[in-house]
């Protein structure tokens, strides 16, 4: 089963950005336990924004992913993610480690 994951990172190595401060989302496709980097999606950080739908706008940018790996996410943005069938996963690990953790969790769920 193939699915996409978005990651918040400003250095491409670690999950080190809060959802609301992310200037981009790194997109990965996971297929049969292996991941491939697809590219980055530019985002306008929502923290401090005057836009009424700021979190919804950011979620719309990653609407085709199943999981968001982020350093942190607020309650309201988390609700919007879940309403859009995107599961938030909190991590501060290296991206590769976080992806491996998500893959293991998904494999465990699929085995049940």
Protein backbone atom coordinates (compact mmCIF):
# COMPACT_ATOMS: atom_id res chain seq x y z
CA UNK A 1 0.00 0.00 0.00
CA UNK A 2 1.33 3.40 -0.98
CA UNK A 3 0.74 6.63 0.94
CA UNK A 4 2.27 10.09 1.25
CA UNK A 5 3.78 11.78 4.29
CA UNK A 6 4.55 15.48 4.83
CA UNK A 7 7.41 16.53 7.12
CA UNK A 8 8.13 19.95 8.63
CA UNK A 9 11.85 20.67 8.45
CA UNK A 10 13.94 23.73 7.65
CA UNK A 11 17.21 21.82 7.21
CA UNK A 12 16.10 18.64 5.43
CA UNK A 13 17.69 16.48 8.14
CA UNK A 14 15.56 16.80 11.28
CA UNK A 15 11.89 17.21 12.07
CA UNK A 16 12.49 20.62 13.57
CA UNK A 17 9.62 22.93 12.69
CA UNK A 18 6.27 23.53 14.32
CA UNK A 19 3.36 23.13 11.89
CA UNK A 20 2.43 26.81 12.23
CA UNK A 21 5.97 28.01 11.54
CA UNK A 22 6.77 25.69 8.63
CA UNK A 23 7.90 27.52 5.52
CA UNK A 24 7.67 24.29 3.52
CA UNK A 25 6.52 20.70 3.73
CA UNK A 26 8.83 17.94 2.55
CA UNK A 27 6.77 15.26 0.82
CA UNK A 28 7.65 11.57 0.85
CA UNK A 29 5.90 8.60 -0.69
CA UNK A 30 5.99 5.36 1.26
CA UNK A 31 5.49 2.17 -0.68
CA UNK A 32 6.02 -1.30 0.75
CA UNK A 33 8.11 0.03 3.66
CA UNK A 34 10.41 2.12 1.47
CA UNK A 35 10.24 5.89 1.17
CA UNK A 36 11.04 8.23 -1.70
CA UNK A 37 11.44 12.00 -1.48
CA UNK A 38 9.02 13.65 -3.92
CA UNK A 39 9.84 17.31 -3.31
CA UNK A 40 8.89 20.31 -1.21
CA UNK A 41 5.68 22.31 -1.05
CA UNK A 42 6.13 25.98 -0.18
CA UNK A 43 3.97 27.19 2.70
CA UNK A 44 3.18 30.58 4.19
CA UNK A 45 3.72 30.07 7.93
CA UNK A 46 0.44 30.38 9.79
CA UNK A 47 1.76 31.60 13.16
CA UNK A 48 1.22 35.33 13.34
CA UNK A 49 -0.87 35.37 10.16
CA UNK A 50 -3.98 37.51 9.97
CA UNK A 51 -5.71 35.07 7.63
CA UNK A 52 -8.92 33.67 9.12
CA UNK A 53 -8.40 30.24 7.54
CA UNK A 54 -4.63 30.11 8.00
CA UNK A 55 -4.42 26.52 9.25
CA UNK A 56 -6.96 25.29 6.72
CA UNK A 57 -4.95 26.95 3.94
CA UNK A 58 -1.78 25.12 5.05
CA UNK A 59 -3.62 21.80 5.34
CA UNK A 60 -5.01 22.29 1.81
CA UNK A 61 -1.43 22.36 0.52
CA UNK A 62 -0.87 18.82 1.80
CA UNK A 63 -4.35 17.43 1.25
CA UNK A 64 -2.98 14.40 -0.60
CA UNK A 65 -0.90 13.13 2.34
CA UNK A 66 -2.04 10.67 5.02
CA UNK A 67 0.40 11.64 7.77
CA UNK A 68 2.11 14.85 8.88
CA UNK A 69 5.32 14.46 10.85
CA UNK A 70 5.98 17.69 12.74
CA UNK A 71 7.81 19.02 15.78
CA UNK A 72 4.55 20.27 17.25
CA UNK A 73 1.04 21.27 16.23
CA UNK A 74 -1.64 23.24 18.02
CA UNK A 75 -5.04 21.91 19.00
CA UNK A 76 -7.07 23.70 16.30
CA UNK A 77 -4.67 22.84 13.43
CA UNK A 78 -4.59 19.26 14.72
CA UNK A 79 -8.39 19.09 14.50
CA UNK A 80 -8.28 20.45 10.94
CA UNK A 81 -5.66 17.86 9.98
CA UNK A 82 -7.75 15.02 11.41
CA UNK A 83 -10.91 16.32 9.71
CA UNK A 84 -8.96 16.11 6.44
CA UNK A 85 -7.83 12.52 7.14
CA UNK A 86 -4.24 13.54 7.91
CA UNK A 87 -2.80 11.99 11.06
CA UNK A 88 -0.39 14.26 12.97
CA UNK A 89 2.71 12.51 14.28
CA UNK A 90 4.97 14.45 16.69
CA UNK A 91 8.72 13.94 16.47
CA UNK A 92 12.02 15.79 16.80
CA UNK A 93 14.08 12.95 15.37
CA UNK A 94 16.10 12.87 12.18
CA UNK A 95 13.67 12.64 9.23
CA UNK A 96 14.83 9.13 8.30
CA UNK A 97 14.20 7.89 11.85
CA UNK A 98 10.76 9.51 11.98
CA UNK A 99 9.81 7.97 8.63
CA UNK A 100 10.99 4.55 9.82
CA UNK A 101 8.87 4.94 12.98
CA UNK A 102 5.79 5.87 10.94
CA UNK A 103 6.37 2.90 8.61
CA UNK A 104 6.62 0.55 11.62
CA UNK A 105 3.42 1.94 13.16
CA UNK A 106 1.54 1.58 9.86
CA UNK A 107 2.80 -1.99 9.36
CA UNK A 108 1.62 -2.86 12.87
CA UNK A 109 -1.83 -1.37 12.20
CA UNK A 110 -2.09 -3.17 8.85
CA UNK A 111 -1.20 -6.49 10.49
CA UNK A 112 -4.19 -6.26 12.86
